[in-house]
Amino acid sequence: MYITQETKKELFKEHGGAEINTGSTEGQVALFTFRIKHLTDHLKGNKKDLVTRRALVRLVGKRRRLLDYLKEKDIERYRAIISKLKLRK
């Protein structure tokens, strides 16, 4: 599998504050971003893989909804995670 437990722990520790804080919005956005990058690389080589393309679109939508939620609740945390992950918006 492309994402290991250690990778997840590092992502949540770096962006969510702690390894066990898997429910934080920033941690979830970081995890979705990691998965989106992996799926994007996969689709570059497998252009006709429509199931993966659908999964990618769903992940992007989930990340967008989480970012919208974070933007409404705390604009400073939103700006921090956008700049840290180098996302456009």
PDB file of N, CA and C in Angstrom:
ATOM      1  N   MET A   1       0.841  -1.179   0.000  1.00  0.00           N
ATOM      2  CA  MET A   1       0.000   0.000   0.000  1.00  0.00           C
ATOM      3  C   MET A   1       0.888   1.244   0.000  1.00  0.00           C
ATOM      4  N   TYR A   2       0.412   2.291  -0.613  1.00  0.00           N
ATOM      5  CA  TYR A   2       1.234   3.476  -0.806  1.00  0.00           C
ATOM      6  C   TYR A   2       1.360   4.352   0.435  1.00  0.00           C
ATOM      7  N   ILE A   3       0.461   4.206   1.387  1.00  0.00           N
ATOM      8  CA  ILE A   3       0.542   5.015   2.608  1.00  0.00           C
ATOM      9  C   ILE A   3       0.614   4.075   3.811  1.00  0.00           C
ATOM     10  N   THR A   4       1.663   4.247   4.594  1.00  0.00           N
ATOM     11  CA  THR A   4       1.879   3.384   5.744  1.00  0.00           C
ATOM     12  C   THR A   4       1.423   4.088   7.012  1.00  0.00           C
ATOM     13  N   GLN A   5       1.376   3.350   8.087  1.00  0.00           N
ATOM     14  CA  GLN A   5       0.993   3.931   9.376  1.00  0.00           C
ATOM     15  C   GLN A   5       1.979   5.012   9.799  1.00  0.00           C
ATOM     16  N   GLU A   6       3.271   4.791   9.517  1.00  0.00           N
ATOM     17  CA  GLU A   6       4.285   5.775   9.884  1.00  0.00           C
ATOM     18  C   GLU A   6       4.089   7.083   9.111  1.00  0.00           C
ATOM     19  N   THR A   7       3.744   6.956   7.833  1.00  0.00           N
ATOM     20  CA  THR A   7       3.503   8.146   7.022  1.00  0.00           C
ATOM     21  C   THR A   7       2.301   8.921   7.548  1.00  0.00           C
ATOM     22  N   LYS A   8       1.250   8.197   7.899  1.00  0.00           N
ATOM     23  CA  LYS A   8       0.070   8.855   8.458  1.00  0.00           C
ATOM     24  C   LYS A   8       0.404   9.571   9.758  1.00  0.00           C
ATOM     25  N   LYS A   9       1.163   8.895  10.631  1.00  0.00           N
ATOM     26  CA  LYS A   9       1.529   9.505  11.903  1.00  0.00           C
ATOM     27  C   LYS A   9       2.340  10.769  11.693  1.00  0.00           C
ATOM     28  N   GLU A  10       3.256  10.739  10.730  1.00  0.00           N
ATOM     29  CA  GLU A  10       4.058  11.927  10.437  1.00  0.00           C
ATOM     30  C   GLU A  10       3.186  13.071   9.925  1.00  0.00           C
ATOM     31  N   LEU A  11       2.245  12.745   9.032  1.00  0.00           N
ATOM     32  CA  LEU A  11       1.349  13.776   8.509  1.00  0.00           C
ATOM     33  C   LEU A  11       0.527  14.418   9.619  1.00  0.00           C
ATOM     34  N   PHE A  12      -0.059  13.577  10.476  1.00  0.00           N
ATOM     35  CA  PHE A  12      -0.893  14.117  11.550  1.00  0.00           C
ATOM     36  C   PHE A  12      -0.065  14.848  12.591  1.00  0.00           C
ATOM     37  N   LYS A  13       1.156  14.401  12.823  1.00  0.00           N
ATOM     38  CA  LYS A  13       2.018  15.085  13.784  1.00  0.00           C
ATOM     39  C   LYS A  13       2.427  16.457  13.259  1.00  0.00           C
ATOM     40  N   GLU A  14       2.741  16.519  11.962  1.00  0.00           N
ATOM     41  CA  GLU A  14       3.188  17.773  11.362  1.00  0.00           C
ATOM     42  C   GLU A  14       2.056  18.774  11.196  1.00  0.00           C
ATOM     43  N   HIS A  15       0.895  18.299  10.770  1.00  0.00           N
ATOM     44  CA  HIS A  15      -0.200  19.220  10.444  1.00  0.00           C
ATOM     45  C   HIS A  15      -1.317  19.234  11.477  1.00  0.00           C
ATOM     46  N   GLY A  16      -1.530  18.128  12.176  1.00  0.00           N
ATOM     47  CA  GLY A  16      -2.647  18.062  13.109  1.00  0.00           C
ATOM     48  C   GLY A  16      -2.277  18.367  14.539  1.00  0.00           C
ATOM     49  N   GLY A  17      -0.987  18.445  14.841  1.00  0.00           N
ATOM     50  CA  GLY A  17      -0.560  18.771  16.197  1.00  0.00           C
ATOM     51  C   GLY A  17      -0.029  17.569  16.951  1.00  0.00           C
ATOM     52  N   ALA A  18      -0.644  16.402  16.787  1.00  0.00           N
ATOM     53  CA  ALA A  18      -0.200  15.192  17.477  1.00  0.00           C
ATOM     54  C   ALA A  18      -0.518  13.982  16.604  1.00  0.00           C
ATOM     55  N   GLU A  19       0.195  12.888  16.867  1.00  0.00           N
ATOM     56  CA  GLU A  19      -0.017  11.665  16.087  1.00  0.00           C
ATOM     57  C   GLU A  19      -1.430  11.129  16.243  1.00  0.00           C
ATOM     58  N   ILE A  20      -1.959  11.251  17.445  1.00  0.00           N
ATOM     59  CA  ILE A  20      -3.264  10.658  17.732  1.00  0.00           C
ATOM     60  C   ILE A  20      -4.424  11.593  17.399  1.00  0.00           C
ATOM     61  N   ASN A  21      -4.118  12.817  16.987  1.00  0.00           N
ATOM     62  CA  ASN A  21      -5.149  13.796  16.653  1.00  0.00           C
ATOM     63  C   ASN A  21      -5.551  13.628  15.185  1.00  0.00           C
ATOM     64  N   THR A  22      -6.173  12.492  14.875  1.00  0.00           N
ATOM     65  CA  THR A  22      -6.503  12.182  13.489  1.00  0.00           C
ATOM     66  C   THR A  22      -7.774  12.875  13.018  1.00  0.00           C
ATOM     67  N   GLY A  23      -8.494  13.494  13.897  1.00  0.00           N
ATOM     68  CA  GLY A  23      -9.738  14.150  13.516  1.00  0.00           C
ATOM     69  C   GLY A  23      -9.599  15.620  13.219  1.00  0.00           C
ATOM     70  N   SER A  24      -8.405  16.175  13.384  1.00  0.00           N
ATOM     71  CA  SER A  24      -8.238  17.604  13.146  1.00  0.00           C
ATOM     72  C   SER A  24      -8.420  17.911  11.666  1.00  0.00           C
ATOM     73  N   THR A  25      -8.962  19.051  11.398  1.00  0.00           N
ATOM     74  CA  THR A  25      -9.227  19.442  10.021  1.00  0.00           C
ATOM     75  C   THR A  25      -7.935  19.545   9.225  1.00  0.00           C
ATOM     76  N   GLU A  26      -6.907  20.125   9.826  1.00  0.00           N
ATOM     77  CA  GLU A  26      -5.633  20.279   9.127  1.00  0.00           C
ATOM     78  C   GLU A  26      -5.006  18.927   8.806  1.00  0.00           C
ATOM     79  N   GLY A  27      -5.100  17.996   9.734  1.00  0.00           N
ATOM     80  CA  GLY A  27      -4.562  16.661   9.500  1.00  0.00           C
ATOM     81  C   GLY A  27      -5.288  15.934   8.391  1.00  0.00           C
ATOM     82  N   GLN A  28      -6.608  16.064   8.369  1.00  0.00           N
ATOM     83  CA  GLN A  28      -7.393  15.427   7.324  1.00  0.00           C
ATOM     84  C   GLN A  28      -7.075  16.026   5.953  1.00  0.00           C
ATOM     85  N   VAL A  29      -6.931  17.341   5.897  1.00  0.00           N
ATOM     86  CA  VAL A  29      -6.605  17.997   4.631  1.00  0.00           C
ATOM     87  C   VAL A  29      -5.231  17.537   4.149  1.00  0.00           C
ATOM     88  N   ALA A  30      -4.280  17.416   5.064  1.00  0.00           N
ATOM     89  CA  ALA A  30      -2.936  16.957   4.691  1.00  0.00           C
ATOM     90  C   ALA A  30      -2.979  15.525   4.169  1.00  0.00           C
ATOM     91  N   LEU A  31      -3.752  14.667   4.813  1.00  0.00           N
ATOM     92  CA  LEU A  31      -3.881  13.282   4.367  1.00  0.00           C
ATOM     93  C   LEU A  31      -4.536  13.209   2.986  1.00  0.00           C
ATOM     94  N   PHE A  32      -5.602  13.973   2.782  1.00  0.00           N
ATOM     95  CA  PHE A  32      -6.262  13.999   1.478  1.00  0.00           C
ATOM     96  C   PHE A  32      -5.314  14.520   0.402  1.00  0.00           C
ATOM     97  N   THR A  33      -4.517  15.527   0.730  1.00  0.00           N
ATOM     98  CA  THR A  33      -3.570  16.076  -0.235  1.00  0.00           C
ATOM     99  C   THR A  33      -2.531  15.037  -0.627  1.00  0.00           C
ATOM    100  N   PHE A  34      -2.051  14.262   0.342  1.00  0.00           N
ATOM    101  CA  PHE A  34      -1.095  13.196   0.054  1.00  0.00           C
ATOM    102  C   PHE A  34      -1.707  12.164  -0.886  1.00  0.00           C
ATOM    103  N   ARG A  35      -2.941  11.773  -0.596  1.00  0.00           N
ATOM    104  CA  ARG A  35      -3.622  10.779  -1.425  1.00  0.00           C
ATOM    105  C   ARG A  35      -3.916  11.326  -2.826  1.00  0.00           C
ATOM    106  N   ILE A  36      -4.283  12.606  -2.922  1.00  0.00           N
ATOM    107  CA  ILE A  36      -4.568  13.229  -4.212  1.00  0.00           C
ATOM    108  C   ILE A  36      -3.314  13.256  -5.080  1.00  0.00           C
ATOM    109  N   LYS A  37      -2.179  13.579  -4.479  1.00  0.00           N
ATOM    110  CA  LYS A  37      -0.922  13.585  -5.243  1.00  0.00           C
ATOM    111  C   LYS A  37      -0.595  12.189  -5.749  1.00  0.00           C
ATOM    112  N   HIS A  38      -0.814  11.172  -4.933  1.00  0.00           N
ATOM    113  CA  HIS A  38      -0.546   9.803  -5.352  1.00  0.00           C
ATOM    114  C   HIS A  38      -1.451   9.404  -6.517  1.00  0.00           C
ATOM    115  N   LEU A  39      -2.739   9.693  -6.410  1.00  0.00           N
ATOM    116  CA  LEU A  39      -3.674   9.332  -7.475  1.00  0.00           C
ATOM    117  C   LEU A  39      -3.394  10.105  -8.759  1.00  0.00           C
ATOM    118  N   THR A  40      -2.964  11.355  -8.631  1.00  0.00           N
ATOM    119  CA  THR A  40      -2.637  12.153  -9.804  1.00  0.00           C
ATOM    120  C   THR A  40      -1.455  11.541 -10.548  1.00  0.00           C
ATOM    121  N   ASP A  41      -0.434  11.115  -9.802  1.00  0.00           N
ATOM    122  CA  ASP A  41       0.715  10.461 -10.433  1.00  0.00           C
ATOM    123  C   ASP A  41       0.300   9.160 -11.116  1.00  0.00           C
ATOM    124  N   HIS A  42      -0.591   8.415 -10.484  1.00  0.00           N
ATOM    125  CA  HIS A  42      -1.076   7.164 -11.070  1.00  0.00           C
ATOM    126  C   HIS A  42      -1.814   7.425 -12.382  1.00  0.00           C
ATOM    127  N   LEU A  43      -2.631   8.463 -12.397  1.00  0.00           N
ATOM    128  CA  LEU A  43      -3.434   8.746 -13.589  1.00  0.00           C
ATOM    129  C   LEU A  43      -2.598   9.293 -14.741  1.00  0.00           C
ATOM    130  N   LYS A  44      -1.430   9.834 -14.457  1.00  0.00           N
ATOM    131  CA  LYS A  44      -0.567  10.293 -15.542  1.00  0.00           C
ATOM    132  C   LYS A  44      -0.112   9.120 -16.410  1.00  0.00           C
ATOM    133  N   GLY A  45       0.083   7.963 -15.793  1.00  0.00           N
ATOM    134  CA  GLY A  45       0.502   6.789 -16.537  1.00  0.00           C
ATOM    135  C   GLY A  45      -0.641   5.909 -16.991  1.00  0.00           C
ATOM    136  N   ASN A  46      -1.800   6.041 -16.366  1.00  0.00           N
ATOM    137  CA  ASN A  46      -2.965   5.201 -16.674  1.00  0.00           C
ATOM    138  C   ASN A  46      -4.165   6.100 -16.977  1.00  0.00           C
ATOM    139  N   LYS A  47      -4.166   6.667 -18.150  1.00  0.00           N
ATOM    140  CA  LYS A  47      -5.167   7.679 -18.499  1.00  0.00           C
ATOM    141  C   LYS A  47      -6.592   7.133 -18.582  1.00  0.00           C
ATOM    142  N   LYS A  48      -6.739   5.852 -18.845  1.00  0.00           N
ATOM    143  CA  LYS A  48      -8.075   5.294 -19.031  1.00  0.00           C
ATOM    144  C   LYS A  48      -8.655   4.673 -17.761  1.00  0.00           C
ATOM    145  N   ASP A  49      -8.003   4.852 -16.639  1.00  0.00           N
ATOM    146  CA  ASP A  49      -8.471   4.286 -15.375  1.00  0.00           C
ATOM    147  C   ASP A  49      -9.563   5.194 -14.800  1.00  0.00           C
ATOM    148  N   LEU A  50     -10.792   4.937 -15.200  1.00  0.00           N
ATOM    149  CA  LEU A  50     -11.898   5.817 -14.832  1.00  0.00           C
ATOM    150  C   LEU A  50     -12.313   5.668 -13.375  1.00  0.00           C
ATOM    151  N   VAL A  51     -12.115   4.498 -12.787  1.00  0.00           N
ATOM    152  CA  VAL A  51     -12.467   4.296 -11.380  1.00  0.00           C
ATOM    153  C   VAL A  51     -11.572   5.149 -10.487  1.00  0.00           C
ATOM    154  N   THR A  52     -10.291   5.173 -10.800  1.00  0.00           N
ATOM    155  CA  THR A  52      -9.358   5.999 -10.029  1.00  0.00           C
ATOM    156  C   THR A  52      -9.649   7.473 -10.245  1.00  0.00           C
ATOM    157  N   ARG A  53     -10.017   7.833 -11.465  1.00  0.00           N
ATOM    158  CA  ARG A  53     -10.350   9.236 -11.738  1.00  0.00           C
ATOM    159  C   ARG A  53     -11.548   9.675 -10.900  1.00  0.00           C
ATOM    160  N   ARG A  54     -12.545   8.808 -10.778  1.00  0.00           N
ATOM    161  CA  ARG A  54     -13.720   9.130  -9.962  1.00  0.00           C
ATOM    162  C   ARG A  54     -13.339   9.271  -8.492  1.00  0.00           C
ATOM    163  N   ALA A  55     -12.469   8.375  -8.017  1.00  0.00           N
ATOM    164  CA  ALA A  55     -12.013   8.460  -6.628  1.00  0.00           C
ATOM    165  C   ALA A  55     -11.253   9.763  -6.393  1.00  0.00           C
ATOM    166  N   LEU A  56     -10.459  10.178  -7.369  1.00  0.00           N
ATOM    167  CA  LEU A  56      -9.714  11.430  -7.257  1.00  0.00           C
ATOM    168  C   LEU A  56     -10.661  12.622  -7.161  1.00  0.00           C
ATOM    169  N   VAL A  57     -11.680  12.630  -7.986  1.00  0.00           N
ATOM    170  CA  VAL A  57     -12.648  13.736  -7.967  1.00  0.00           C
ATOM    171  C   VAL A  57     -13.365  13.791  -6.625  1.00  0.00           C
ATOM    172  N   ARG A  58     -13.707  12.624  -6.079  1.00  0.00           N
ATOM    173  CA  ARG A  58     -14.376  12.587  -4.777  1.00  0.00           C
ATOM    174  C   ARG A  58     -13.461  13.111  -3.672  1.00  0.00           C
ATOM    175  N   LEU A  59     -12.181  12.735  -3.720  1.00  0.00           N
ATOM    176  CA  LEU A  59     -11.230  13.202  -2.707  1.00  0.00           C
ATOM    177  C   LEU A  59     -11.040  14.711  -2.781  1.00  0.00           C
ATOM    178  N   VAL A  60     -10.957  15.230  -3.985  1.00  0.00           N
ATOM    179  CA  VAL A  60     -10.803  16.676  -4.151  1.00  0.00           C
ATOM    180  C   VAL A  60     -12.021  17.396  -3.576  1.00  0.00           C
ATOM    181  N   GLY A  61     -13.211  16.836  -3.779  1.00  0.00           N
ATOM    182  CA  GLY A  61     -14.427  17.427  -3.219  1.00  0.00           C
ATOM    183  C   GLY A  61     -14.438  17.398  -1.706  1.00  0.00           C
ATOM    184  N   LYS A  62     -13.993  16.284  -1.129  1.00  0.00           N
ATOM    185  CA  LYS A  62     -13.925  16.195   0.335  1.00  0.00           C
ATOM    186  C   LYS A  62     -12.962  17.222   0.903  1.00  0.00           C
ATOM    187  N   ARG A  63     -11.798  17.328   0.246  1.00  0.00           N
ATOM    188  CA  ARG A  63     -10.804  18.302   0.725  1.00  0.00           C
ATOM    189  C   ARG A  63     -11.346  19.717   0.605  1.00  0.00           C
ATOM    190  N   ARG A  64     -12.048  20.005  -0.500  1.00  0.00           N
ATOM    191  CA  ARG A  64     -12.613  21.333  -0.700  1.00  0.00           C
ATOM    192  C   ARG A  64     -13.632  21.675   0.386  1.00  0.00           C
ATOM    193  N   ARG A  65     -14.484  20.692   0.740  1.00  0.00           N
ATOM    194  CA  ARG A  65     -15.479  20.929   1.794  1.00  0.00           C
ATOM    195  C   ARG A  65     -14.814  21.173   3.140  1.00  0.00           C
ATOM    196  N   LEU A  66     -13.765  20.428   3.447  1.00  0.00           N
ATOM    197  CA  LEU A  66     -13.051  20.645   4.708  1.00  0.00           C
ATOM    198  C   LEU A  66     -12.389  22.017   4.733  1.00  0.00           C
ATOM    199  N   LEU A  67     -11.814  22.414   3.614  1.00  0.00           N
ATOM    200  CA  LEU A  67     -11.180  23.733   3.556  1.00  0.00           C
ATOM    201  C   LEU A  67     -12.218  24.849   3.670  1.00  0.00           C
ATOM    202  N   ASP A  68     -13.378  24.669   3.079  1.00  0.00           N
ATOM    203  CA  ASP A  68     -14.448  25.665   3.217  1.00  0.00           C
ATOM    204  C   ASP A  68     -14.899  25.783   4.669  1.00  0.00           C
ATOM    205  N   TYR A  69     -15.020  24.635   5.339  1.00  0.00           N
ATOM    206  CA  TYR A  69     -15.390  24.623   6.751  1.00  0.00           C
ATOM    207  C   TYR A  69     -14.351  25.378   7.580  1.00  0.00           C
ATOM    208  N   LEU A  70     -13.084  25.085   7.324  1.00  0.00           N
ATOM    209  CA  LEU A  70     -12.012  25.729   8.072  1.00  0.00           C
ATOM    210  C   LEU A  70     -11.974  27.228   7.801  1.00  0.00           C
ATOM    211  N   LYS A  71     -12.270  27.610   6.574  1.00  0.00           N
ATOM    212  CA  LYS A  71     -12.284  29.031   6.211  1.00  0.00           C
ATOM    213  C   LYS A  71     -13.367  29.780   6.975  1.00  0.00           C
ATOM    214  N   GLU A  72     -14.529  29.134   7.157  1.00  0.00           N
ATOM    215  CA  GLU A  72     -15.620  29.761   7.907  1.00  0.00           C
ATOM    216  C   GLU A  72     -15.292  29.878   9.390  1.00  0.00           C
ATOM    217  N   LYS A  73     -14.664  28.834   9.959  1.00  0.00           N
ATOM    218  CA  LYS A  73     -14.428  28.788  11.399  1.00  0.00           C
ATOM    219  C   LYS A  73     -13.231  29.619  11.833  1.00  0.00           C
ATOM    220  N   ASP A  74     -12.105  29.488  11.100  1.00  0.00           N
ATOM    221  CA  ASP A  74     -10.887  30.187  11.514  1.00  0.00           C
ATOM    222  C   ASP A  74     -10.042  30.475  10.286  1.00  0.00           C
ATOM    223  N   ILE A  75     -10.094  31.721   9.822  1.00  0.00           N
ATOM    224  CA  ILE A  75      -9.423  32.094   8.575  1.00  0.00           C
ATOM    225  C   ILE A  75      -7.905  31.994   8.694  1.00  0.00           C
ATOM    226  N   GLU A  76      -7.352  32.210   9.878  1.00  0.00           N
ATOM    227  CA  GLU A  76      -5.897  32.135  10.047  1.00  0.00           C
ATOM    228  C   GLU A  76      -5.393  30.699   9.904  1.00  0.00           C
ATOM    229  N   ARG A  77      -6.113  29.738  10.469  1.00  0.00           N
ATOM    230  CA  ARG A  77      -5.737  28.326  10.315  1.00  0.00           C
ATOM    231  C   ARG A  77      -5.864  27.914   8.859  1.00  0.00           C
ATOM    232  N   TYR A  78      -6.883  28.422   8.178  1.00  0.00           N
ATOM    233  CA  TYR A  78      -7.077  28.142   6.748  1.00  0.00           C
ATOM    234  C   TYR A  78      -5.890  28.650   5.942  1.00  0.00           C
ATOM    235  N   ARG A  79      -5.495  29.892   6.171  1.00  0.00           N
ATOM    236  CA  ARG A  79      -4.369  30.474   5.430  1.00  0.00           C
ATOM    237  C   ARG A  79      -3.074  29.734   5.721  1.00  0.00           C
ATOM    238  N   ALA A  80      -2.909  29.292   6.970  1.00  0.00           N
ATOM    239  CA  ALA A  80      -1.698  28.563   7.343  1.00  0.00           C
ATOM    240  C   ALA A  80      -1.609  27.231   6.618  1.00  0.00           C
ATOM    241  N   ILE A  81      -2.706  26.480   6.577  1.00  0.00           N
ATOM    242  CA  ILE A  81      -2.671  25.158   5.940  1.00  0.00           C
ATOM    243  C   ILE A  81      -2.545  25.293   4.423  1.00  0.00           C
ATOM    244  N   ILE A  82      -3.130  26.303   3.843  1.00  0.00           N
ATOM    245  CA  ILE A  82      -3.015  26.546   2.399  1.00  0.00           C
ATOM    246  C   ILE A  82      -1.563  26.822   2.034  1.00  0.00           C
ATOM    247  N   SER A  83      -0.906  27.664   2.810  1.00  0.00           N
ATOM    248  CA  SER A  83       0.496  28.000   2.500  1.00  0.00           C
ATOM    249  C   SER A  83       1.426  26.836   2.816  1.00  0.00           C
ATOM    250  N   LYS A  84       1.131  26.088   3.877  1.00  0.00           N
ATOM    251  CA  LYS A  84       1.989  24.968   4.261  1.00  0.00           C
ATOM    252  C   LYS A  84       1.957  23.839   3.239  1.00  0.00           C
ATOM    253  N   LEU A  85       0.768  23.556   2.698  1.00  0.00           N
ATOM    254  CA  LEU A  85       0.618  22.487   1.717  1.00  0.00           C
ATOM    255  C   LEU A  85       0.784  22.986   0.272  1.00  0.00           C
ATOM    256  N   LYS A  86       0.962  24.299   0.112  1.00  0.00           N
ATOM    257  CA  LYS A  86       1.133  24.910  -1.211  1.00  0.00           C
ATOM    258  C   LYS A  86      -0.054  24.603  -2.136  1.00  0.00           C
ATOM    259  N   LEU A  87      -1.251  24.854  -1.621  1.00  0.00           N
ATOM    260  CA  LEU A  87      -2.472  24.647  -2.387  1.00  0.00           C
ATOM    261  C   LEU A  87      -2.887  25.971  -3.033  1.00  0.00           C
ATOM    262  N   ARG A  88      -3.563  25.869  -4.160  1.00  0.00           N
ATOM    263  CA  ARG A  88      -4.086  27.060  -4.809  1.00  0.00           C
ATOM    264  C   ARG A  88      -5.451  27.387  -4.240  1.00  0.00           C
ATOM    265  N   LYS A  89      -5.748  28.664  -4.120  1.00  0.00           N
ATOM    266  CA  LYS A  89      -7.088  29.121  -3.769  1.00  0.00           C
ATOM    267  C   LYS A  89      -7.025  30.575  -3.449  1.00  0.00           C
TER     268      LYS A  89
END
